[in-house]
C-alpha atoms as a PDB file:
ATOM      1  CA  UNK A   1      63.748 108.927 110.222  1.00  0.00           C
ATOM      2  CA  UNK A   2      66.503 107.615 112.496  1.00  0.00           C
ATOM      3  CA  UNK A   3      68.951 110.229 111.219  1.00  0.00           C
ATOM      4  CA  UNK A   4      66.453 113.002 111.940  1.00  0.00           C
ATOM      5  CA  UNK A   5      65.996 111.689 115.485  1.00  0.00           C
ATOM      6  CA  UNK A   6      69.748 111.482 116.101  1.00  0.00           C
ATOM      7  CA  UNK A   7      70.269 115.013 114.789  1.00  0.00           C
ATOM      8  CA  UNK A   8      67.351 116.755 116.501  1.00  0.00           C
ATOM      9  CA  UNK A   9      66.720 114.815 119.710  1.00  0.00           C
ATOM     10  CA  UNK A  10      69.227 115.157 122.583  1.00  0.00           C
ATOM     11  CA  UNK A  11      70.755 111.780 123.564  1.00  0.00           C
ATOM     12  CA  UNK A  12      69.449 111.903 127.143  1.00  0.00           C
ATOM     13  CA  UNK A  13      65.954 112.665 125.891  1.00  0.00           C
ATOM     14  CA  UNK A  14      66.118 109.865 123.330  1.00  0.00           C
ATOM     15  CA  UNK A  15      67.239 107.366 125.979  1.00  0.00           C
ATOM     16  CA  UNK A  16      64.577 108.558 128.419  1.00  0.00           C
ATOM     17  CA  UNK A  17      61.915 108.386 125.716  1.00  0.00           C
ATOM     18  CA  UNK A  18      62.901 104.840 124.769  1.00  0.00           C
ATOM     19  CA  UNK A  19      62.874 103.727 128.389  1.00  0.00           C
ATOM     20  CA  UNK A  20      59.483 105.279 129.047  1.00  0.00           C
ATOM     21  CA  UNK A  21      58.047 104.062 125.734  1.00  0.00           C
ATOM     22  CA  UNK A  22      59.359 100.491 125.904  1.00  0.00           C
ATOM     23  CA  UNK A  23      58.863  99.996 129.650  1.00  0.00           C
ATOM     24  CA  UNK A  24      55.485 101.743 129.714  1.00  0.00           C
ATOM     25  CA  UNK A  25      54.176  99.950 126.642  1.00  0.00           C
ATOM     26  CA  UNK A  26      55.364  96.580 127.883  1.00  0.00           C
ATOM     27  CA  UNK A  27      53.856  97.186 131.337  1.00  0.00           C
ATOM     28  CA  UNK A  28      50.509  98.057 129.730  1.00  0.00           C
ATOM     29  CA  UNK A  29      50.591  94.864 127.647  1.00  0.00           C
ATOM     30  CA  UNK A  30      51.614  92.894 130.724  1.00  0.00           C
ATOM     31  CA  UNK A  31      48.709  94.283 132.760  1.00  0.00           C
ATOM     32  CA  UNK A  32      46.272  93.386 129.968  1.00  0.00           C
ATOM     33  CA  UNK A  33      47.683  89.862 129.600  1.00  0.00           C
ATOM     34  CA  UNK A  34      47.539  89.189 133.352  1.00  0.00           C
ATOM     35  CA  UNK A  35      43.964  90.439 133.481  1.00  0.00           C
ATOM     36  CA  UNK A  36      42.757  88.805 130.250  1.00  0.00           C
ATOM     37  CA  UNK A  37      44.492  85.436 130.765  1.00  0.00           C
ATOM     38  CA  UNK A  38      44.532  84.755 134.501  1.00  0.00           C
ATOM     39  CA  UNK A  39      45.628  81.161 133.918  1.00  0.00           C
ATOM     40  CA  UNK A  40      49.051  82.410 132.851  1.00  0.00           C
ATOM     41  CA  UNK A  41      49.711  83.403 136.465  1.00  0.00           C
ATOM     42  CA  UNK A  42      49.766  79.736 137.448  1.00  0.00           C
ATOM     43  CA  UNK A  43      52.918  79.169 135.426  1.00  0.00           C
ATOM     44  CA  UNK A  44      51.783  75.899 133.878  1.00  0.00           C
ATOM     45  CA  UNK A  45      53.671  76.794 130.701  1.00  0.00           C
ATOM     46  CA  UNK A  46      56.846  77.901 132.484  1.00  0.00           C
ATOM     47  CA  UNK A  47      58.750  74.722 131.592  1.00  0.00           C
ATOM     48  CA  UNK A  48      58.417  75.562 127.911  1.00  0.00           C
ATOM     49  CA  UNK A  49      59.168  79.239 128.536  1.00  0.00           C
ATOM     50  CA  UNK A  50      62.242  78.359 130.581  1.00  0.00           C
ATOM     51  CA  UNK A  51      63.540  76.371 127.611  1.00  0.00           C
ATOM     52  CA  UNK A  52      62.747  78.874 124.858  1.00  0.00           C
ATOM     53  CA  UNK A  53      63.475  82.157 126.656  1.00  0.00           C
ATOM     54  CA  UNK A  54      67.228  81.490 127.193  1.00  0.00           C
ATOM     55  CA  UNK A  55      67.594  80.507 123.542  1.00  0.00           C
ATOM     56  CA  UNK A  56      65.875  83.690 122.363  1.00  0.00           C
ATOM     57  CA  UNK A  57      67.849  85.791 124.873  1.00  0.00           C
ATOM     58  CA  UNK A  58      71.171  84.344 123.695  1.00  0.00           C
ATOM     59  CA  UNK A  59      70.312  84.908 120.027  1.00  0.00           C
ATOM     60  CA  UNK A  60      69.116  88.434 120.827  1.00  0.00           C
ATOM     61  CA  UNK A  61      72.259  89.237 122.805  1.00  0.00           C
ATOM     62  CA  UNK A  62      74.522  87.865 120.072  1.00  0.00           C
ATOM     63  CA  UNK A  63      72.668  89.740 117.336  1.00  0.00           C
ATOM     64  CA  UNK A  64      72.622  93.094 119.133  1.00  0.00           C
ATOM     65  CA  UNK A  65      76.229  92.659 120.223  1.00  0.00           C
ATOM     66  CA  UNK A  66      77.296  91.968 116.648  1.00  0.00           C
ATOM     67  CA  UNK A  67      75.404  95.017 115.357  1.00  0.00           C
ATOM     68  CA  UNK A  68      76.813  97.308 118.045  1.00  0.00           C
ATOM     69  CA  UNK A  69      80.333  96.005 117.410  1.00  0.00           C
ATOM     70  CA  UNK A  70      79.996  96.593 113.656  1.00  0.00           C
ATOM     71  CA  UNK A  71      78.618 100.095 114.162  1.00  0.00           C
ATOM     72  CA  UNK A  72      81.330 100.909 116.698  1.00  0.00           C
ATOM     73  CA  UNK A  73      83.888  99.839 114.100  1.00  0.00           C
ATOM     74  CA  UNK A  74      82.415 102.390 111.677  1.00  0.00           C
ATOM     75  CA  UNK A  75      82.738 105.113 114.310  1.00  0.00           C
ATOM     76  CA  UNK A  76      86.370 104.156 114.953  1.00  0.00           C
ATOM     77  CA  UNK A  77      87.117 104.220 111.226  1.00  0.00           C
ATOM     78  CA  UNK A  78      85.577 107.677 110.868  1.00  0.00           C
ATOM     79  CA  UNK A  79      87.470 108.879 113.925  1.00  0.00           C
ATOM     80  CA  UNK A  80      90.751 107.573 112.521  1.00  0.00           C
ATOM     81  CA  UNK A  81      90.100 109.292 109.195  1.00  0.00           C
ATOM     82  CA  UNK A  82      89.455 112.612 110.934  1.00  0.00           C
ATOM     83  CA  UNK A  83      92.526 112.174 113.114  1.00  0.00           C
ATOM     84  CA  UNK A  84      94.641 111.519 110.036  1.00  0.00           C
ATOM     85  CA  UNK A  85      93.385 114.708 108.418  1.00  0.00           C
ATOM     86  CA  UNK A  86      94.084 116.720 111.555  1.00  0.00           C
ATOM     87  CA  UNK A  87      97.474 115.102 112.133  1.00  0.00           C
ATOM     88  CA  UNK A  88      98.638 115.875 108.600  1.00  0.00           C
ATOM     89  CA  UNK A  89      97.555 119.500 108.960  1.00  0.00           C
ATOM     90  CA  UNK A  90      99.334 119.744 112.319  1.00  0.00           C
ATOM     91  CA  UNK A  91     102.466 118.206 110.818  1.00  0.00           C
ATOM     92  CA  UNK A  92     102.460 120.813 108.052  1.00  0.00           C
ATOM     93  CA  UNK A  93     102.006 123.617 110.587  1.00  0.00           C
ATOM     94  CA  UNK A  94     105.232 122.786 112.406  1.00  0.00           C
ATOM     95  CA  UNK A  95     108.543 124.119 111.137  1.00  0.00           C
ATOM     96  CA  UNK A  96     107.192 126.544 108.550  1.00  0.00           C
ATOM     97  CA  UNK A  97     109.896 129.045 109.549  1.00  0.00           C
ATOM     98  CA  UNK A  98     112.362 127.065 107.453  1.00  0.00           C
ATOM     99  CA  UNK A  99     110.990 128.807 104.342  1.00  0.00           C
ATOM    100  CA  UNK A 100     111.666 132.321 105.583  1.00  0.00           C
ATOM    101  CA  UNK A 101     109.357 134.947 107.024  1.00  0.00           C
ATOM    102  CA  UNK A 102     107.480 135.900 103.828  1.00  0.00           C
ATOM    103  CA  UNK A 103     106.667 132.425 102.534  1.00  0.00           C
ATOM    104  CA  UNK A 104     106.157 131.144 106.068  1.00  0.00           C
ATOM    105  CA  UNK A 105     103.494 133.794 106.722  1.00  0.00           C
ATOM    106  CA  UNK A 106     101.748 132.981 103.443  1.00  0.00           C
ATOM    107  CA  UNK A 107     101.725 129.237 104.167  1.00  0.00           C
ATOM    108  CA  UNK A 108     100.540 129.800 107.720  1.00  0.00           C
ATOM    109  CA  UNK A 109      97.685 131.939 106.460  1.00  0.00           C
ATOM    110  CA  UNK A 110      96.587 129.372 103.857  1.00  0.00           C
ATOM    111  CA  UNK A 111      96.841 126.491 106.309  1.00  0.00           C
ATOM    112  CA  UNK A 112      94.928 128.399 108.957  1.00  0.00           C
ATOM    113  CA  UNK A 113      92.181 129.276 106.494  1.00  0.00           C
ATOM    114  CA  UNK A 114      91.736 125.626 105.616  1.00  0.00           C
ATOM    115  CA  UNK A 115      91.684 124.546 109.270  1.00  0.00           C
ATOM    116  CA  UNK A 116      89.003 127.091 110.157  1.00  0.00           C
ATOM    117  CA  UNK A 117      86.933 126.360 107.031  1.00  0.00           C
ATOM    118  CA  UNK A 118      87.080 122.582 107.595  1.00  0.00           C
ATOM    119  CA  UNK A 119      86.019 122.985 111.233  1.00  0.00           C
ATOM    120  CA  UNK A 120      83.243 125.446 110.345  1.00  0.00           C
ATOM    121  CA  UNK A 121      81.735 123.126 107.726  1.00  0.00           C
ATOM    122  CA  UNK A 122      81.678 120.163 110.126  1.00  0.00           C
ATOM    123  CA  UNK A 123      77.948 120.277 110.840  1.00  0.00           C
ATOM    124  CA  UNK A 124      77.119 120.101 107.135  1.00  0.00           C
ATOM    125  CA  UNK A 125      79.976 117.743 106.277  1.00  0.00           C
ATOM    126  CA  UNK A 126      78.677 115.305 108.901  1.00  0.00           C
ATOM    127  CA  UNK A 127      75.810 114.614 106.514  1.00  0.00           C
ATOM    128  CA  UNK A 128      78.012 114.667 103.416  1.00  0.00           C
ATOM    129  CA  UNK A 129      77.525 118.299 102.394  1.00  0.00           C
ATOM    130  CA  UNK A 130      80.610 120.341 101.578  1.00  0.00           C
ATOM    131  CA  UNK A 131      80.996 124.097 101.498  1.00  0.00           C
ATOM    132  CA  UNK A 132      82.739 126.144  98.802  1.00  0.00           C
ATOM    133  CA  UNK A 133      84.822 127.859 101.481  1.00  0.00           C
ATOM    134  CA  UNK A 134      86.524 124.640 102.575  1.00  0.00           C
ATOM    135  CA  UNK A 135      87.076 123.420  99.017  1.00  0.00           C
ATOM    136  CA  UNK A 136      88.503 126.779  97.958  1.00  0.00           C
ATOM    137  CA  UNK A 137      90.704 126.919 101.034  1.00  0.00           C
ATOM    138  CA  UNK A 138      92.136 123.499 100.186  1.00  0.00           C
ATOM    139  CA  UNK A 139      92.812 124.588  96.607  1.00  0.00           C
ATOM    140  CA  UNK A 140      94.564 127.720  97.838  1.00  0.00           C
ATOM    141  CA  UNK A 141      96.635 125.610 100.184  1.00  0.00           C
ATOM    142  CA  UNK A 142      97.766 123.453  97.278  1.00  0.00           C
ATOM    143  CA  UNK A 143      98.632 126.559  95.263  1.00  0.00           C
ATOM    144  CA  UNK A 144     100.562 128.051  98.169  1.00  0.00           C
ATOM    145  CA  UNK A 145     102.808 125.018  98.540  1.00  0.00           C
ATOM    146  CA  UNK A 146     103.218 124.476  94.808  1.00  0.00           C
ATOM    147  CA  UNK A 147     104.420 128.068  94.391  1.00  0.00           C
ATOM    148  CA  UNK A 148     107.216 127.629  96.942  1.00  0.00           C
ATOM    149  CA  UNK A 149     110.695 127.688  95.394  1.00  0.00           C
ATOM    150  CA  UNK A 150     113.142 125.909  97.742  1.00  0.00           C
ATOM    151  CA  UNK A 151     116.572 127.540  98.034  1.00  0.00           C
ATOM    152  CA  UNK A 152     118.486 124.820  99.876  1.00  0.00           C
ATOM    153  CA  UNK A 153     118.368 121.125 100.718  1.00  0.00           C
ATOM    154  CA  UNK A 154     116.564 121.721 104.005  1.00  0.00           C
ATOM    155  CA  UNK A 155     113.758 123.580 102.298  1.00  0.00           C
ATOM    156  CA  UNK A 156     113.542 120.977  99.540  1.00  0.00           C
ATOM    157  CA  UNK A 157     113.254 118.149 102.071  1.00  0.00           C
ATOM    158  CA  UNK A 158     110.672 120.013 104.134  1.00  0.00           C
ATOM    159  CA  UNK A 159     108.666 120.933 101.031  1.00  0.00           C
ATOM    160  CA  UNK A 160     108.623 117.327  99.845  1.00  0.00           C
ATOM    161  CA  UNK A 161     107.400 116.173 103.243  1.00  0.00           C
ATOM    162  CA  UNK A 162     104.761 118.902 103.374  1.00  0.00           C
ATOM    163  CA  UNK A 163     103.435 118.030  99.921  1.00  0.00           C
ATOM    164  CA  UNK A 164     103.203 114.373 100.955  1.00  0.00           C
ATOM    165  CA  UNK A 165     101.309 115.394 104.092  1.00  0.00           C
ATOM    166  CA  UNK A 166      99.045 117.604 101.998  1.00  0.00           C
ATOM    167  CA  UNK A 167      98.188 114.696  99.731  1.00  0.00           C
ATOM    168  CA  UNK A 168      97.390 112.536 102.773  1.00  0.00           C
ATOM    169  CA  UNK A 169      95.281 115.360 104.203  1.00  0.00           C
ATOM    170  CA  UNK A 170      93.320 115.717 100.974  1.00  0.00           C
ATOM    171  CA  UNK A 171      92.789 111.953 100.736  1.00  0.00           C
ATOM    172  CA  UNK A 172      91.618 111.772 104.360  1.00  0.00           C
ATOM    173  CA  UNK A 173      89.198 114.635 103.753  1.00  0.00           C
ATOM    174  CA  UNK A 174      87.783 112.890 100.690  1.00  0.00           C
ATOM    175  CA  UNK A 175      87.362 109.643 102.621  1.00  0.00           C
ATOM    176  CA  UNK A 176      85.679 111.487 105.500  1.00  0.00           C
ATOM    177  CA  UNK A 177      83.171 113.178 103.206  1.00  0.00           C
ATOM    178  CA  UNK A 178      82.457 109.961 101.313  1.00  0.00           C
ATOM    179  CA  UNK A 179      81.876 108.093 104.561  1.00  0.00           C
ATOM    180  CA  UNK A 180      79.462 110.761 105.776  1.00  0.00           C
ATOM    181  CA  UNK A 181      77.652 110.921 102.425  1.00  0.00           C
ATOM    182  CA  UNK A 182      77.324 107.174 101.879  1.00  0.00           C
ATOM    183  CA  UNK A 183      76.408 106.165 105.422  1.00  0.00           C
ATOM    184  CA  UNK A 184      72.625 106.140 105.695  1.00  0.00           C
ATOM    185  CA  UNK A 185      72.416 103.964 108.788  1.00  0.00           C
ATOM    186  CA  UNK A 186      71.226 100.355 109.133  1.00  0.00           C
ATOM    187  CA  UNK A 187      68.855  99.211 106.381  1.00  0.00           C
ATOM    188  CA  UNK A 188      65.176  98.692 107.089  1.00  0.00           C
ATOM    189  CA  UNK A 189      65.597  94.911 107.079  1.00  0.00           C
ATOM    190  CA  UNK A 190      68.130  95.124 109.905  1.00  0.00           C
ATOM    191  CA  UNK A 191      65.842  97.364 111.947  1.00  0.00           C
ATOM    192  CA  UNK A 192      63.019  94.852 111.418  1.00  0.00           C
ATOM    193  CA  UNK A 193      65.243  92.072 112.756  1.00  0.00           C
ATOM    194  CA  UNK A 194      66.159  94.174 115.805  1.00  0.00           C
ATOM    195  CA  UNK A 195      62.509  95.015 116.508  1.00  0.00           C
ATOM    196  CA  UNK A 196      61.394  91.412 115.936  1.00  0.00           C
ATOM    197  CA  UNK A 197      63.951  89.920 118.321  1.00  0.00           C
ATOM    198  CA  UNK A 198      63.308  92.678 120.866  1.00  0.00           C
ATOM    199  CA  UNK A 199      59.578  91.922 120.656  1.00  0.00           C
ATOM    200  CA  UNK A 200      60.212  88.216 121.191  1.00  0.00           C
ATOM    201  CA  UNK A 201      62.309  88.879 124.295  1.00  0.00           C
ATOM    202  CA  UNK A 202      59.698  91.233 125.734  1.00  0.00           C
ATOM    203  CA  UNK A 203      56.844  88.911 124.749  1.00  0.00           C
ATOM    204  CA  UNK A 204      58.314  85.895 126.532  1.00  0.00           C
ATOM    205  CA  UNK A 205      59.034  87.945 129.636  1.00  0.00           C
ATOM    206  CA  UNK A 206      55.409  89.185 129.678  1.00  0.00           C
ATOM    207  CA  UNK A 207      53.876  85.706 129.291  1.00  0.00           C
ATOM    208  CA  UNK A 208      56.130  84.134 131.911  1.00  0.00           C
ATOM    209  CA  UNK A 209      53.870  82.881 134.676  1.00  0.00           C
ATOM    210  CA  UNK A 210      54.198  84.326 138.170  1.00  0.00           C
ATOM    211  CA  UNK A 211      51.673  84.663 140.969  1.00  0.00           C
ATOM    212  CA  UNK A 212      53.665  87.527 142.459  1.00  0.00           C
ATOM    213  CA  UNK A 213      52.717  90.522 140.358  1.00  0.00           C
ATOM    214  CA  UNK A 214      55.376  92.831 141.825  1.00  0.00           C
ATOM    215  CA  UNK A 215      58.166  90.397 141.012  1.00  0.00           C
ATOM    216  CA  UNK A 216      56.775  89.821 137.540  1.00  0.00           C
ATOM    217  CA  UNK A 217      56.554  93.563 136.802  1.00  0.00           C
ATOM    218  CA  UNK A 218      60.080  94.058 138.115  1.00  0.00           C
ATOM    219  CA  UNK A 219      61.456  91.323 135.849  1.00  0.00           C
ATOM    220  CA  UNK A 220      59.671  92.702 132.794  1.00  0.00           C
ATOM    221  CA  UNK A 221      60.816  96.234 133.696  1.00  0.00           C
ATOM    222  CA  UNK A 222      64.449  95.097 133.824  1.00  0.00           C
ATOM    223  CA  UNK A 223      64.138  93.407 130.426  1.00  0.00           C
ATOM    224  CA  UNK A 224      62.475  96.554 129.043  1.00  0.00           C
ATOM    225  CA  UNK A 225      65.380  98.707 130.261  1.00  0.00           C
ATOM    226  CA  UNK A 226      67.816  96.345 128.550  1.00  0.00           C
ATOM    227  CA  UNK A 227      65.913  96.477 125.254  1.00  0.00           C
ATOM    228  CA  UNK A 228      65.601 100.289 125.415  1.00  0.00           C
ATOM    229  CA  UNK A 229      69.335 100.662 126.079  1.00  0.00           C
ATOM    230  CA  UNK A 230      70.158  98.414 123.118  1.00  0.00           C
ATOM    231  CA  UNK A 231      67.871 100.380 120.809  1.00  0.00           C
ATOM    232  CA  UNK A 232      69.533 103.591 121.997  1.00  0.00           C
ATOM    233  CA  UNK A 233      73.001 102.214 121.236  1.00  0.00           C
ATOM    234  CA  UNK A 234      72.030 101.039 117.762  1.00  0.00           C
ATOM    235  CA  UNK A 235      70.431 104.393 116.938  1.00  0.00           C
ATOM    236  CA  UNK A 236      73.305 106.540 118.249  1.00  0.00           C
ATOM    237  CA  UNK A 237      76.029 104.408 116.663  1.00  0.00           C
ATOM    238  CA  UNK A 238      74.328 104.261 113.268  1.00  0.00           C
ATOM    239  CA  UNK A 239      75.943 107.487 112.020  1.00  0.00           C
ATOM    240  CA  UNK A 240      79.705 107.889 112.663  1.00  0.00           C
ATOM    241  CA  UNK A 241      79.614 111.697 112.363  1.00  0.00           C
ATOM    242  CA  UNK A 242      76.339 112.279 114.229  1.00  0.00           C
ATOM    243  CA  UNK A 243      75.033 111.555 117.689  1.00  0.00           C
ATOM    244  CA  UNK A 244      76.450 111.016 121.152  1.00  0.00           C
ATOM    245  CA  UNK A 245      79.255 108.638 120.153  1.00  0.00           C
ATOM    246  CA  UNK A 246      80.275 110.307 116.897  1.00  0.00           C
ATOM    247  CA  UNK A 247      83.733 111.554 116.055  1.00  0.00           C
ATOM    248  CA  UNK A 248      84.401 115.250 116.584  1.00  0.00           C
ATOM    249  CA  UNK A 249      86.121 118.038 114.600  1.00  0.00           C
ATOM    250  CA  UNK A 250      88.643 118.536 117.402  1.00  0.00           C
ATOM    251  CA  UNK A 251      91.565 117.081 115.342  1.00  0.00           C
ATOM    252  CA  UNK A 252      90.865 119.734 112.688  1.00  0.00           C
ATOM    253  CA  UNK A 253      91.027 122.470 115.316  1.00  0.00           C
ATOM    254  CA  UNK A 254      94.463 121.308 116.413  1.00  0.00           C
ATOM    255  CA  UNK A 255      96.147 123.024 113.477  1.00  0.00           C
ATOM    256  CA  UNK A 256      94.452 126.305 114.441  1.00  0.00           C
ATOM    257  CA  UNK A 257      95.804 125.979 117.971  1.00  0.00           C
ATOM    258  CA  UNK A 258      99.304 125.270 116.678  1.00  0.00           C
ATOM    259  CA  UNK A 259      99.231 128.230 114.306  1.00  0.00           C
ATOM    260  CA  UNK A 260      97.845 130.468 117.045  1.00  0.00           C
ATOM    261  CA  UNK A 261     100.584 129.613 119.535  1.00  0.00           C
ATOM    262  CA  UNK A 262     103.390 132.195 119.931  1.00  0.00           C
ATOM    263  CA  UNK A 263     106.290 131.654 117.555  1.00  0.00           C
ATOM    264  CA  UNK A 264     109.752 131.351 118.987  1.00  0.00           C
END
């Protein structure tokens, strides 16, 4: 469900919906509580609330901060994997002229085909689905380099380095696809913990006694905004290759830009 929301709902709309839903729902509950239990306005229980609310708020802040930090680490790992794949392809694209015009053109064509195919399959690969075009392009790239016959030490050294980069590129691609395929977001138990702690924070803010209704609604509204923002962060960071904070295919497009630049 969360993955579908991240894929199909624009980030600004998701954030706005959470703010309206959480703040509006909490305000409705607050209005009912103030009307149904008028004694709560007197604040006779505030001493207990003042003791418990900071404890719950600290635990909530620590828990959400830990989750966001862990999810951000997954995004950084995915971003580094994609950057490695793009960097290896870019490294292979430089200096191809050392092999001569014929082999250089063939290698440039194979490398360009892989770069375009990998970038084109990004939307599907973000959910772990590969395309035959990208896999075939990678196989052709391997064949192109393996068929090169070096004629001097410079070509042999460059070929050895290119094959090493190609292996790193292939490994990074495999890791990227495995990460996208195996990442299904936070488990249900973790979401239940987030919702439970969020409910406790909102519940204590609603039952806090205050004769001044405007001040009370303002305090609860601020807490609701905080909870909605935290839920937005957890949802958007749950999938490293999807959402507002996900990694992008831009590193894979770098090789296309290099190959498209005028040759000297």
